[in-house]
Amino acid sequence: MSEHVYKVTELVGSSTVSIEDAIQVAVSRASVTLRNLRWFEVLETRGHIEKGKVQHYQVSLKVGFTMDDA
């Protein structure tokens, strides 16, 4: 079994559609500049309420990615 070293960073994704979409937005954007994304963990969910209805979802994530070989 090979050894893995992971770097962990925190992201915040937002969406007007859903919590799941907010997660996908964050992961998709991170994949543009970060290589080897492997996992995510939802830390916190928040939202914006307007006139009694949810208008915006916001999700804080930890994202782990493997580091390139030296």
Protein backbone atom coordinates (compact mmCIF):
# COMPACT_ATOMS: atom_id res chain seq x y z
CA MET A 1 0.00 0.00 0.00
CA SER A 2 1.42 3.38 -0.95
CA GLU A 3 1.78 6.18 1.57
CA HIS A 4 -0.26 9.34 1.05
CA VAL A 5 0.29 12.82 2.41
CA TYR A 6 -2.67 15.14 2.18
CA LYS A 7 -2.90 18.90 2.23
CA VAL A 8 -6.18 20.24 3.66
CA THR A 9 -7.70 23.59 2.83
CA GLU A 10 -11.02 25.22 3.71
CA LEU A 11 -13.49 26.50 1.13
CA VAL A 12 -16.89 28.16 1.20
CA GLY A 13 -19.32 27.46 -1.64
CA SER A 14 -22.58 29.27 -2.22
CA SER A 15 -25.66 28.66 -4.32
CA THR A 16 -29.22 29.88 -4.76
CA VAL A 17 -30.26 26.32 -5.70
CA SER A 18 -29.33 23.94 -2.84
CA ILE A 19 -26.77 22.84 -0.27
CA GLU A 20 -25.58 20.12 -2.65
CA ASP A 21 -25.10 22.69 -5.39
CA ALA A 22 -23.09 24.91 -3.05
CA ILE A 23 -20.77 21.94 -2.36
CA GLN A 24 -20.42 21.22 -6.08
CA VAL A 25 -19.68 24.89 -6.81
CA ALA A 26 -16.86 24.92 -4.25
CA VAL A 27 -15.34 21.61 -5.40
CA SER A 28 -15.61 22.49 -9.10
CA ARG A 29 -13.95 25.86 -8.60
CA ALA A 30 -11.19 24.36 -6.43
CA SER A 31 -10.46 21.75 -9.10
CA VAL A 32 -9.48 24.54 -11.50
CA THR A 33 -6.40 25.46 -9.44
CA LEU A 34 -5.84 22.47 -7.12
CA ARG A 35 -4.71 19.07 -8.38
CA ASN A 36 -5.44 15.64 -6.92
CA LEU A 37 -8.60 16.50 -4.96
CA ARG A 38 -9.61 13.38 -3.03
CA TRP A 39 -12.23 14.12 -0.37
CA PHE A 40 -14.35 16.78 1.30
CA GLU A 41 -15.97 17.23 4.69
CA VAL A 42 -18.87 19.61 5.35
CA LEU A 43 -18.07 21.75 8.38
CA GLU A 44 -20.96 24.16 8.47
CA THR A 45 -24.07 25.13 6.56
CA ARG A 46 -25.67 28.56 6.53
CA GLY A 47 -28.26 30.38 4.53
CA HIS A 48 -29.85 33.69 3.79
CA ILE A 49 -33.57 34.12 4.44
CA GLU A 50 -35.64 36.79 2.74
CA LYS A 51 -39.40 37.27 3.17
CA GLY A 52 -39.67 33.95 4.99
CA LYS A 53 -37.96 31.90 2.26
CA VAL A 54 -34.45 30.55 1.83
CA GLN A 55 -32.75 32.60 -0.86
CA HIS A 56 -29.12 31.50 -0.61
CA TYR A 57 -27.18 28.49 0.72
CA GLN A 58 -23.59 28.67 1.98
CA VAL A 59 -21.48 25.64 2.92
CA SER A 60 -18.04 25.59 4.59
CA LEU A 61 -15.91 22.61 3.58
CA LYS A 62 -12.56 21.04 4.27
CA VAL A 63 -11.08 19.65 1.06
CA GLY A 64 -8.18 17.20 1.02
CA PHE A 65 -5.81 16.63 -1.85
CA THR A 66 -2.70 14.53 -2.28
CA MET A 67 0.57 16.34 -2.77
CA ASP A 68 2.71 15.78 -5.84
CA ASP A 69 5.79 13.60 -5.46
CA ALA A 70 9.00 15.47 -4.67
